[in-house]
PDB file of all heavy atoms in Angstrom:
ATOM      1  N   ILE A   1      55.865   4.552  16.723  1.00  0.00           N
ATOM      2  CA  ILE A   1      55.652   4.583  18.265  1.00  0.00           C
ATOM      3  C   ILE A   1      55.413   6.108  18.650  1.00  0.00           C
ATOM      4  O   ILE A   1      54.512   6.357  19.407  1.00  0.00           O
ATOM      5  CB  ILE A   1      56.855   4.061  19.004  1.00  0.00           C
ATOM      6  CG1 ILE A   1      56.932   2.596  18.947  1.00  0.00           C
ATOM      7  CG2 ILE A   1      56.777   4.437  20.537  1.00  0.00           C
ATOM      8  CD1 ILE A   1      58.224   1.981  19.538  1.00  0.00           C
ATOM      9  N   LYS A   2      56.183   6.979  18.141  1.00  0.00           N
ATOM     10  CA  LYS A   2      56.029   8.375  18.358  1.00  0.00           C
ATOM     11  C   LYS A   2      54.513   8.872  17.877  1.00  0.00           C
ATOM     12  O   LYS A   2      54.053   9.720  18.443  1.00  0.00           O
ATOM     13  CB  LYS A   2      57.096   9.272  17.736  1.00  0.00           C
ATOM     14  CG  LYS A   2      58.343   9.135  18.478  1.00  0.00           C
ATOM     15  CD  LYS A   2      59.432  10.001  17.757  1.00  0.00           C
ATOM     16  CE  LYS A   2      60.816   9.785  18.575  1.00  0.00           C
ATOM     17  NZ  LYS A   2      61.971  10.621  17.900  1.00  0.00           N
ATOM     18  N   ALA A   3      54.222   8.217  16.809  1.00  0.00           N
ATOM     19  CA  ALA A   3      52.780   8.635  16.221  1.00  0.00           C
ATOM     20  C   ALA A   3      51.665   8.149  17.016  1.00  0.00           C
ATOM     21  O   ALA A   3      50.532   8.637  16.829  1.00  0.00           O
ATOM     22  CB  ALA A   3      52.760   8.130  14.758  1.00  0.00           C
ATOM     23  N   GLY A   4      51.948   7.093  17.983  1.00  0.00           N
ATOM     24  CA  GLY A   4      50.899   6.650  18.791  1.00  0.00           C
ATOM     25  C   GLY A   4      50.419   5.235  18.457  1.00  0.00           C
ATOM     26  O   GLY A   4      49.254   4.828  18.895  1.00  0.00           O
ATOM     27  N   ALA A   5      51.151   4.408  17.728  1.00  0.00           N
ATOM     28  CA  ALA A   5      50.673   3.108  17.472  1.00  0.00           C
ATOM     29  C   ALA A   5      50.485   2.360  18.833  1.00  0.00           C
ATOM     30  O   ALA A   5      51.233   2.440  19.750  1.00  0.00           O
ATOM     31  CB  ALA A   5      51.811   2.340  16.668  1.00  0.00           C
ATOM     32  N   SER A   6      49.512   1.419  18.814  1.00  0.00           N
ATOM     33  CA  SER A   6      49.276   0.629  20.021  1.00  0.00           C
ATOM     34  C   SER A   6      50.020  -0.671  19.861  1.00  0.00           C
ATOM     35  O   SER A   6      50.312  -1.189  21.044  1.00  0.00           O
ATOM     36  CB  SER A   6      47.751   0.261  20.094  1.00  0.00           C
ATOM     37  OG  SER A   6      46.976   1.526  20.055  1.00  0.00           O
ATOM     38  N   ALA A   7      50.190  -1.226  18.807  1.00  0.00           N
ATOM     39  CA  ALA A   7      50.971  -2.493  18.499  1.00  0.00           C
ATOM     40  C   ALA A   7      51.663  -2.327  17.229  1.00  0.00           C
ATOM     41  O   ALA A   7      51.264  -1.815  16.226  1.00  0.00           O
ATOM     42  CB  ALA A   7      49.939  -3.652  18.530  1.00  0.00           C
ATOM     43  N   LEU A   8      52.847  -2.870  17.215  1.00  0.00           N
ATOM     44  CA  LEU A   8      53.686  -3.015  16.010  1.00  0.00           C
ATOM     45  C   LEU A   8      53.929  -4.465  15.669  1.00  0.00           C
ATOM     46  O   LEU A   8      54.446  -5.143  16.512  1.00  0.00           O
ATOM     47  CB  LEU A   8      54.987  -2.236  16.104  1.00  0.00           C
ATOM     48  CG  LEU A   8      54.915  -0.675  16.117  1.00  0.00           C
ATOM     49  CD1 LEU A   8      56.362  -0.168  16.244  1.00  0.00           C
ATOM     50  CD2 LEU A   8      54.329  -0.169  14.859  1.00  0.00           C
ATOM     51  N   THR A   9      53.495  -4.824  14.514  1.00  0.00           N
ATOM     52  CA  THR A   9      53.702  -6.187  14.028  1.00  0.00           C
ATOM     53  C   THR A   9      54.767  -6.235  13.007  1.00  0.00           C
ATOM     54  O   THR A   9      54.543  -5.648  11.787  1.00  0.00           O
ATOM     55  CB  THR A   9      52.456  -6.932  13.652  1.00  0.00           C
ATOM     56  OG1 THR A   9      51.531  -6.945  14.796  1.00  0.00           O
ATOM     57  CG2 THR A   9      52.658  -8.312  13.098  1.00  0.00           C
ATOM     58  N   LEU A  10      55.854  -6.986  13.056  1.00  0.00           N
ATOM     59  CA  LEU A  10      56.886  -7.087  12.109  1.00  0.00           C
ATOM     60  C   LEU A  10      56.732  -8.500  11.391  1.00  0.00           C
ATOM     61  O   LEU A  10      56.114  -9.403  11.819  1.00  0.00           O
ATOM     62  CB  LEU A  10      58.296  -7.151  12.774  1.00  0.00           C
ATOM     63  CG  LEU A  10      58.561  -6.143  13.925  1.00  0.00           C
ATOM     64  CD1 LEU A  10      59.937  -6.235  14.335  1.00  0.00           C
ATOM     65  CD2 LEU A  10      58.205  -4.655  13.398  1.00  0.00           C
ATOM     66  N   HIS A  11      57.263  -8.502  10.162  1.00  0.00           N
ATOM     67  CA  HIS A  11      57.261  -9.768   9.411  1.00  0.00           C
ATOM     68  C   HIS A  11      58.492 -10.574   9.653  1.00  0.00           C
ATOM     69  O   HIS A  11      59.573 -10.057   9.653  1.00  0.00           O
ATOM     70  CB  HIS A  11      57.086  -9.547   7.928  1.00  0.00           C
ATOM     71  CG  HIS A  11      55.768  -9.672   7.381  1.00  0.00           C
ATOM     72  ND1 HIS A  11      55.175 -10.856   7.015  1.00  0.00           N
ATOM     73  CD2 HIS A  11      54.698  -8.738   7.259  1.00  0.00           C
ATOM     74  CE1 HIS A  11      53.978 -10.685   6.649  1.00  0.00           C
ATOM     75  NE2 HIS A  11      53.565  -9.504   6.815  1.00  0.00           N
ATOM     76  N   ILE A  12      58.323 -11.824   9.874  1.00  0.00           N
ATOM     77  CA  ILE A  12      59.454 -12.660  10.152  1.00  0.00           C
ATOM     78  C   ILE A  12      60.301 -12.753   9.015  1.00  0.00           C
ATOM     79  O   ILE A  12      61.484 -12.983   9.138  1.00  0.00           O
ATOM     80  CB  ILE A  12      58.994 -14.219  10.635  1.00  0.00           C
ATOM     81  CG1 ILE A  12      60.070 -14.830  11.398  1.00  0.00           C
ATOM     82  CG2 ILE A  12      58.459 -14.977   9.451  1.00  0.00           C
ATOM     83  CD1 ILE A  12      59.524 -16.028  12.192  1.00  0.00           C
ATOM     84  N   GLU A  13      59.765 -12.448   7.819  1.00  0.00           N
ATOM     85  CA  GLU A  13      60.569 -12.592   6.553  1.00  0.00           C
ATOM     86  C   GLU A  13      61.334 -11.288   6.248  1.00  0.00           C
ATOM     87  O   GLU A  13      62.022 -11.166   5.258  1.00  0.00           O
ATOM     88  CB  GLU A  13      59.689 -12.883   5.405  1.00  0.00           C
ATOM     89  CG  GLU A  13      58.876 -14.218   5.601  1.00  0.00           C
ATOM     90  CD  GLU A  13      57.468 -13.933   6.242  1.00  0.00           C
ATOM     91  OE1 GLU A  13      57.173 -12.793   6.646  1.00  0.00           O
ATOM     92  OE2 GLU A  13      56.720 -14.884   6.385  1.00  0.00           O
ATOM     93  N   SER A  14      61.126 -10.273   7.095  1.00  0.00           N
ATOM     94  CA  SER A  14      61.867  -8.994   6.779  1.00  0.00           C
ATOM     95  C   SER A  14      63.274  -9.033   7.265  1.00  0.00           C
ATOM     96  O   SER A  14      63.777  -9.989   7.888  1.00  0.00           O
ATOM     97  CB  SER A  14      61.086  -7.897   7.452  1.00  0.00           C
ATOM     98  OG  SER A  14      61.059  -8.030   8.884  1.00  0.00           O
ATOM     99  N   LYS A  15      63.984  -7.930   7.108  1.00  0.00           N
ATOM    100  CA  LYS A  15      65.459  -7.919   7.376  1.00  0.00           C
ATOM    101  C   LYS A  15      65.723  -7.227   8.713  1.00  0.00           C
ATOM    102  O   LYS A  15      64.935  -6.345   9.176  1.00  0.00           O
ATOM    103  CB  LYS A  15      66.132  -7.171   6.336  1.00  0.00           C
ATOM    104  CG  LYS A  15      66.108  -7.789   4.878  1.00  0.00           C
ATOM    105  CD  LYS A  15      66.774  -7.058   3.834  1.00  0.00           C
ATOM    106  CE  LYS A  15      66.682  -7.793   2.474  1.00  0.00           C
ATOM    107  NZ  LYS A  15      67.378  -7.030   1.424  1.00  0.00           N
ATOM    108  N   GLY A  16      66.780  -7.584   9.360  1.00  0.00           N
ATOM    109  CA  GLY A  16      67.111  -7.104  10.567  1.00  0.00           C
ATOM    110  C   GLY A  16      67.245  -8.108  11.732  1.00  0.00           C
ATOM    111  O   GLY A  16      66.737  -9.266  11.489  1.00  0.00           O
ATOM    112  N   ASP A  17      67.716  -7.681  12.875  1.00  0.00           N
ATOM    113  CA  ASP A  17      67.757  -8.650  14.111  1.00  0.00           C
ATOM    114  C   ASP A  17      66.296  -8.530  14.719  1.00  0.00           C
ATOM    115  O   ASP A  17      66.193  -7.655  15.511  1.00  0.00           O
ATOM    116  CB  ASP A  17      68.958  -8.199  14.918  1.00  0.00           C
ATOM    117  CG  ASP A  17      68.981  -8.985  16.169  1.00  0.00           C
ATOM    118  OD1 ASP A  17      68.073  -9.794  16.545  1.00  0.00           O
ATOM    119  OD2 ASP A  17      70.051  -8.919  16.836  1.00  0.00           O
ATOM    120  N   LEU A  18      65.505  -9.536  14.442  1.00  0.00           N
ATOM    121  CA  LEU A  18      64.168  -9.475  14.794  1.00  0.00           C
ATOM    122  C   LEU A  18      64.104  -9.504  16.384  1.00  0.00           C
ATOM    123  O   LEU A  18      63.165  -8.743  16.959  1.00  0.00           O
ATOM    124  CB  LEU A  18      63.319 -10.541  14.274  1.00  0.00           C
ATOM    125  CG  LEU A  18      62.942 -10.463  12.822  1.00  0.00           C
ATOM    126  CD1 LEU A  18      62.175 -11.673  12.304  1.00  0.00           C
ATOM    127  CD2 LEU A  18      62.204  -9.177  12.585  1.00  0.00           C
ATOM    128  N   LYS A  19      64.867 -10.174  17.051  1.00  0.00           N
ATOM    129  CA  LYS A  19      64.783 -10.322  18.548  1.00  0.00           C
ATOM    130  C   LYS A  19      65.104  -8.962  19.100  1.00  0.00           C
ATOM    131  O   LYS A  19      64.301  -8.530  20.051  1.00  0.00           O
ATOM    132  CB  LYS A  19      65.762 -11.349  19.086  1.00  0.00           C
ATOM    133  CG  LYS A  19      65.162 -12.837  19.134  1.00  0.00           C
ATOM    134  CD  LYS A  19      65.990 -13.687  19.985  1.00  0.00           C
ATOM    135  CE  LYS A  19      65.330 -15.104  20.091  1.00  0.00           C
ATOM    136  NZ  LYS A  19      66.015 -15.974  20.923  1.00  0.00           N
ATOM    137  N   THR A  20      66.081  -8.239  18.585  1.00  0.00           N
ATOM    138  CA  THR A  20      66.470  -7.056  19.110  1.00  0.00           C
ATOM    139  C   THR A  20      65.372  -6.004  18.863  1.00  0.00           C
ATOM    140  O   THR A  20      65.002  -5.099  19.718  1.00  0.00           O
ATOM    141  CB  THR A  20      67.834  -6.543  18.494  1.00  0.00           C
ATOM    142  OG1 THR A  20      68.847  -7.391  18.913  1.00  0.00           O
ATOM    143  CG2 THR A  20      68.166  -5.124  19.002  1.00  0.00           C
ATOM    144  N   LEU A  21      64.754  -6.059  17.643  1.00  0.00           N
ATOM    145  CA  LEU A  21      63.704  -5.127  17.392  1.00  0.00           C
ATOM    146  C   LEU A  21      62.470  -5.275  18.191  1.00  0.00           C
ATOM    147  O   LEU A  21      61.788  -4.434  18.641  1.00  0.00           O
ATOM    148  CB  LEU A  21      63.384  -5.255  15.820  1.00  0.00           C
ATOM    149  CG  LEU A  21      64.479  -4.885  14.842  1.00  0.00           C
ATOM    150  CD1 LEU A  21      63.988  -5.189  13.392  1.00  0.00           C
ATOM    151  CD2 LEU A  21      64.853  -3.398  14.975  1.00  0.00           C
ATOM    152  N   LEU A  22      62.111  -6.592  18.394  1.00  0.00           N
ATOM    153  CA  LEU A  22      60.969  -6.840  19.243  1.00  0.00           C
ATOM    154  C   LEU A  22      61.110  -6.420  20.647  1.00  0.00           C
ATOM    155  O   LEU A  22      60.264  -5.922  21.359  1.00  0.00           O
ATOM    156  CB  LEU A  22      60.593  -8.368  19.220  1.00  0.00           C
ATOM    157  CG  LEU A  22      60.095  -8.860  17.845  1.00  0.00           C
ATOM    158  CD1 LEU A  22      60.115 -10.461  17.783  1.00  0.00           C
ATOM    159  CD2 LEU A  22      58.679  -8.389  17.472  1.00  0.00           C
ATOM    160  N   GLN A  23      62.395  -6.639  21.172  1.00  0.00           N
ATOM    161  CA  GLN A  23      62.651  -6.170  22.592  1.00  0.00           C
ATOM    162  C   GLN A  23      62.606  -4.628  22.673  1.00  0.00           C
ATOM    163  O   GLN A  23      62.090  -4.166  23.621  1.00  0.00           O
ATOM    164  CB  GLN A  23      64.078  -6.714  23.038  1.00  0.00           C
ATOM    165  CG  GLN A  23      64.136  -8.162  23.198  1.00  0.00           C
ATOM    166  CD  GLN A  23      65.590  -8.673  23.344  1.00  0.00           C
ATOM    167  OE1 GLN A  23      66.502  -8.058  22.771  1.00  0.00           O
ATOM    168  NE2 GLN A  23      65.672  -9.833  24.006  1.00  0.00           N
ATOM    169  N   ASN A  24      63.048  -4.018  21.594  1.00  0.00           N
ATOM    170  CA  ASN A  24      62.946  -2.579  21.594  1.00  0.00           C
ATOM    171  C   ASN A  24      61.562  -2.011  21.628  1.00  0.00           C
ATOM    172  O   ASN A  24      61.218  -1.137  22.392  1.00  0.00           O
ATOM    173  CB  ASN A  24      63.607  -2.067  20.273  1.00  0.00           C
ATOM    174  CG  ASN A  24      63.550  -0.565  20.102  1.00  0.00           C
ATOM    175  OD1 ASN A  24      63.485   0.249  21.210  1.00  0.00           O
ATOM    176  ND2 ASN A  24      63.694   0.012  18.966  1.00  0.00           N
ATOM    177  N   ILE A  25      60.687  -2.700  20.958  1.00  0.00           N
ATOM    178  CA  ILE A  25      59.174  -2.351  20.856  1.00  0.00           C
ATOM    179  C   ILE A  25      58.628  -2.648  22.293  1.00  0.00           C
ATOM    180  O   ILE A  25      58.016  -1.590  22.869  1.00  0.00           O
ATOM    181  CB  ILE A  25      58.464  -3.196  19.871  1.00  0.00           C
ATOM    182  CG1 ILE A  25      58.852  -2.800  18.399  1.00  0.00           C
ATOM    183  CG2 ILE A  25      56.892  -2.980  20.003  1.00  0.00           C
ATOM    184  CD1 ILE A  25      58.349  -3.752  17.328  1.00  0.00           C
ATOM    185  N   LYS A  26      58.904  -3.742  22.858  1.00  0.00           N
ATOM    186  CA  LYS A  26      58.300  -4.061  24.212  1.00  0.00           C
ATOM    187  C   LYS A  26      58.812  -2.959  25.335  1.00  0.00           C
ATOM    188  O   LYS A  26      58.152  -2.590  26.229  1.00  0.00           O
ATOM    189  CB  LYS A  26      58.768  -5.457  24.716  1.00  0.00           C
ATOM    190  CG  LYS A  26      57.935  -6.492  23.909  1.00  0.00           C
ATOM    191  CD  LYS A  26      58.048  -7.884  24.588  1.00  0.00           C
ATOM    192  CE  LYS A  26      57.242  -7.934  25.819  1.00  0.00           C
ATOM    193  NZ  LYS A  26      55.766  -8.033  25.550  1.00  0.00           N
ATOM    194  N   GLU A  27      60.140  -2.684  25.192  1.00  0.00           N
ATOM    195  CA  GLU A  27      60.829  -1.776  26.221  1.00  0.00           C
ATOM    196  C   GLU A  27      60.126  -0.373  26.163  1.00  0.00           C
ATOM    197  O   GLU A  27      60.188   0.367  27.096  1.00  0.00           O
ATOM    198  CB  GLU A  27      62.281  -1.682  25.955  1.00  0.00           C
ATOM    199  CG  GLU A  27      63.044  -2.936  26.379  1.00  0.00           C
ATOM    200  CD  GLU A  27      64.457  -2.952  25.894  1.00  0.00           C
ATOM    201  OE1 GLU A  27      64.878  -1.937  25.247  1.00  0.00           O
ATOM    202  OE2 GLU A  27      65.206  -3.951  26.197  1.00  0.00           O
ATOM    203  N   GLN A  28      59.462  -0.104  25.044  1.00  0.00           N
ATOM    204  CA  GLN A  28      58.829   1.293  24.849  1.00  0.00           C
ATOM    205  C   GLN A  28      57.396   1.234  25.287  1.00  0.00           C
ATOM    206  O   GLN A  28      56.651   2.170  25.071  1.00  0.00           O
ATOM    207  CB  GLN A  28      59.072   1.823  23.512  1.00  0.00           C
ATOM    208  CG  GLN A  28      60.554   2.017  23.226  1.00  0.00           C
ATOM    209  CD  GLN A  28      60.833   2.871  21.956  1.00  0.00           C
ATOM    210  OE1 GLN A  28      60.339   4.013  21.939  1.00  0.00           O
ATOM    211  NE2 GLN A  28      61.609   2.266  21.026  1.00  0.00           N
ATOM    212  N   GLY A  29      56.938   0.000  25.791  1.00  0.00           N
ATOM    213  CA  GLY A  29      55.557  -0.001  26.478  1.00  0.00           C
ATOM    214  C   GLY A  29      54.447  -0.207  25.477  1.00  0.00           C
ATOM    215  O   GLY A  29      53.297  -0.036  25.906  1.00  0.00           O
ATOM    216  N   ILE A  30      54.671  -0.722  24.244  1.00  0.00           N
ATOM    217  CA  ILE A  30      53.556  -1.063  23.409  1.00  0.00           C
ATOM    218  C   ILE A  30      53.609  -2.576  23.054  1.00  0.00           C
ATOM    219  O   ILE A  30      54.628  -3.232  23.195  1.00  0.00           O
ATOM    220  CB  ILE A  30      53.537  -0.190  22.078  1.00  0.00           C
ATOM    221  CG1 ILE A  30      54.647  -0.587  21.107  1.00  0.00           C
ATOM    222  CG2 ILE A  30      53.630   1.268  22.460  1.00  0.00           C
ATOM    223  CD1 ILE A  30      54.338   0.033  19.790  1.00  0.00           C
ATOM    224  N   SER A  31      52.543  -3.016  22.534  1.00  0.00           N
ATOM    225  CA  SER A  31      52.485  -4.481  22.196  1.00  0.00           C
ATOM    226  C   SER A  31      53.206  -4.813  20.923  1.00  0.00           C
ATOM    227  O   SER A  31      53.480  -3.961  20.037  1.00  0.00           O
ATOM    228  CB  SER A  31      51.001  -4.854  21.961  1.00  0.00           C
ATOM    229  OG  SER A  31      50.218  -4.669  23.154  1.00  0.00           O
ATOM    230  N   CYS A  32      53.876  -5.950  20.809  1.00  0.00           N
ATOM    231  CA  CYS A  32      54.617  -6.328  19.715  1.00  0.00           C
ATOM    232  C   CYS A  32      54.148  -7.660  19.156  1.00  0.00           C
ATOM    233  O   CYS A  32      53.751  -8.557  19.867  1.00  0.00           O
ATOM    234  CB  CYS A  32      56.118  -6.448  20.075  1.00  0.00           C
ATOM    235  SG  CYS A  32      56.709  -7.657  21.128  1.00  0.00           S
ATOM    236  N   GLY A  33      54.178  -7.692  17.836  1.00  0.00           N
ATOM    237  CA  GLY A  33      53.752  -8.892  17.176  1.00  0.00           C
ATOM    238  C   GLY A  33      54.673  -9.354  16.011  1.00  0.00           C
ATOM    239  O   GLY A  33      55.616  -8.548  15.666  1.00  0.00           O
ATOM    240  N   LEU A  34      54.445 -10.520  15.593  1.00  0.00           N
ATOM    241  CA  LEU A  34      55.221 -11.133  14.484  1.00  0.00           C
ATOM    242  C   LEU A  34      54.274 -11.697  13.541  1.00  0.00           C
ATOM    243  O   LEU A  34      53.291 -12.431  13.841  1.00  0.00           O
ATOM    244  CB  LEU A  34      56.158 -12.112  15.010  1.00  0.00           C
ATOM    245  CG  LEU A  34      57.447 -12.556  14.142  1.00  0.00           C
ATOM    246  CD1 LEU A  34      58.277 -11.375  13.785  1.00  0.00           C
ATOM    247  CD2 LEU A  34      58.233 -13.570  14.908  1.00  0.00           C
ATOM    248  N   SER A  35      54.504 -11.547  12.217  1.00  0.00           N
ATOM    249  CA  SER A  35      53.570 -11.977  11.130  1.00  0.00           C
ATOM    250  C   SER A  35      54.299 -13.078  10.297  1.00  0.00           C
ATOM    251  O   SER A  35      55.454 -12.853   9.935  1.00  0.00           O
ATOM    252  CB  SER A  35      53.051 -10.847  10.317  1.00  0.00           C
ATOM    253  OG  SER A  35      52.140 -11.334   9.343  1.00  0.00           O
ATOM    254  N   ILE A  36      53.531 -13.981   9.807  1.00  0.00           N
ATOM    255  CA  ILE A  36      54.099 -14.989   8.855  1.00  0.00           C
ATOM    256  C   ILE A  36      53.307 -15.028   7.579  1.00  0.00           C
ATOM    257  O   ILE A  36      52.007 -14.868   7.550  1.00  0.00           O
ATOM    258  CB  ILE A  36      54.114 -16.422   9.482  1.00  0.00           C
ATOM    259  CG1 ILE A  36      52.871 -16.905   9.843  1.00  0.00           C
ATOM    260  CG2 ILE A  36      55.161 -16.461  10.658  1.00  0.00           C
ATOM    261  CD1 ILE A  36      52.755 -18.401  10.200  1.00  0.00           C
ATOM    262  N   LYS A  37      53.950 -15.026   6.477  1.00  0.00           N
ATOM    263  CA  LYS A  37      53.323 -15.243   5.160  1.00  0.00           C
ATOM    264  C   LYS A  37      52.814 -16.620   4.961  1.00  0.00           C
ATOM    265  O   LYS A  37      53.110 -17.416   5.726  1.00  0.00           O
ATOM    266  CB  LYS A  37      54.307 -14.969   3.970  1.00  0.00           C
ATOM    267  CG  LYS A  37      54.835 -13.534   3.904  1.00  0.00           C
ATOM    268  CD  LYS A  37      55.760 -13.333   2.748  1.00  0.00           C
ATOM    269  CE  LYS A  37      56.283 -11.998   2.571  1.00  0.00           C
ATOM    270  NZ  LYS A  37      57.271 -11.838   1.348  1.00  0.00           N
ATOM    271  N   PRO A  38      51.870 -16.780   3.960  1.00  0.00           N
ATOM    272  CA  PRO A  38      51.246 -18.134   3.824  1.00  0.00           C
ATOM    273  C   PRO A  38      52.266 -19.226   3.524  1.00  0.00           C
ATOM    274  O   PRO A  38      52.033 -20.482   3.932  1.00  0.00           O
ATOM    275  CB  PRO A  38      50.436 -17.923   2.507  1.00  0.00           C
ATOM    276  CG  PRO A  38      50.069 -16.469   2.519  1.00  0.00           C
ATOM    277  CD  PRO A  38      51.336 -15.782   3.068  1.00  0.00           C
ATOM    278  N   ASP A  39      53.438 -18.968   3.038  1.00  0.00           N
ATOM    279  CA  ASP A  39      54.413 -20.038   2.777  1.00  0.00           C
ATOM    280  C   ASP A  39      55.436 -20.206   3.937  1.00  0.00           C
ATOM    281  O   ASP A  39      56.378 -21.088   3.745  1.00  0.00           O
ATOM    282  CB  ASP A  39      55.236 -19.684   1.477  1.00  0.00           C
ATOM    283  CG  ASP A  39      54.336 -19.793   0.248  1.00  0.00           C
ATOM    284  OD1 ASP A  39      53.238 -20.430   0.266  1.00  0.00           O
ATOM    285  OD2 ASP A  39      54.641 -19.010  -0.746  1.00  0.00           O
ATOM    286  N   THR A  40      55.297 -19.481   4.983  1.00  0.00           N
ATOM    287  CA  THR A  40      56.255 -19.635   6.090  1.00  0.00           C
ATOM    288  C   THR A  40      55.573 -20.536   7.178  1.00  0.00           C
ATOM    289  O   THR A  40      54.466 -20.296   7.664  1.00  0.00           O
ATOM    290  CB  THR A  40      56.594 -18.290   6.798  1.00  0.00           C
ATOM    291  OG1 THR A  40      57.148 -17.405   5.747  1.00  0.00           O
ATOM    292  CG2 THR A  40      57.484 -18.416   7.946  1.00  0.00           C
ATOM    293  N   GLY A  41      56.239 -21.688   7.592  1.00  0.00           N
ATOM    294  CA  GLY A  41      55.704 -22.495   8.552  1.00  0.00           C
ATOM    295  C   GLY A  41      55.510 -21.868   9.944  1.00  0.00           C
ATOM    296  O   GLY A  41      56.346 -21.011  10.410  1.00  0.00           O
ATOM    297  N   PRO A  42      54.559 -22.326  10.697  1.00  0.00           N
ATOM    298  CA  PRO A  42      54.249 -21.837  12.086  1.00  0.00           C
ATOM    299  C   PRO A  42      55.504 -21.951  12.964  1.00  0.00           C
ATOM    300  O   PRO A  42      55.636 -20.994  13.844  1.00  0.00           O
ATOM    301  CB  PRO A  42      53.074 -22.603  12.495  1.00  0.00           C
ATOM    302  CG  PRO A  42      52.324 -23.113  11.276  1.00  0.00           C
ATOM    303  CD  PRO A  42      53.430 -23.259  10.248  1.00  0.00           C
ATOM    304  N   LYS A  43      56.234 -22.914  12.814  1.00  0.00           N
ATOM    305  CA  LYS A  43      57.364 -23.158  13.742  1.00  0.00           C
ATOM    306  C   LYS A  43      58.417 -21.982  13.737  1.00  0.00           C
ATOM    307  O   LYS A  43      59.261 -21.853  14.605  1.00  0.00           O
ATOM    308  CB  LYS A  43      58.097 -24.495  13.486  1.00  0.00           C
ATOM    309  CG  LYS A  43      57.270 -25.634  13.892  1.00  0.00           C
ATOM    310  CD  LYS A  43      57.987 -26.895  13.587  1.00  0.00           C
ATOM    311  CE  LYS A  43      57.144 -28.162  14.018  1.00  0.00           C
ATOM    312  NZ  LYS A  43      57.895 -29.476  13.712  1.00  0.00           N
TER     313      LYS A  43
END
């Protein structure tokens, strides 16, 4: 974010509290995304 990213996309398969991390991204005024690998279902 400090470097100037416009959007940060996290992987749903990564570690950490994703909801908290996504909220943190949004609160800092940039777009946030979530990615899924080919074996992860859309739901």
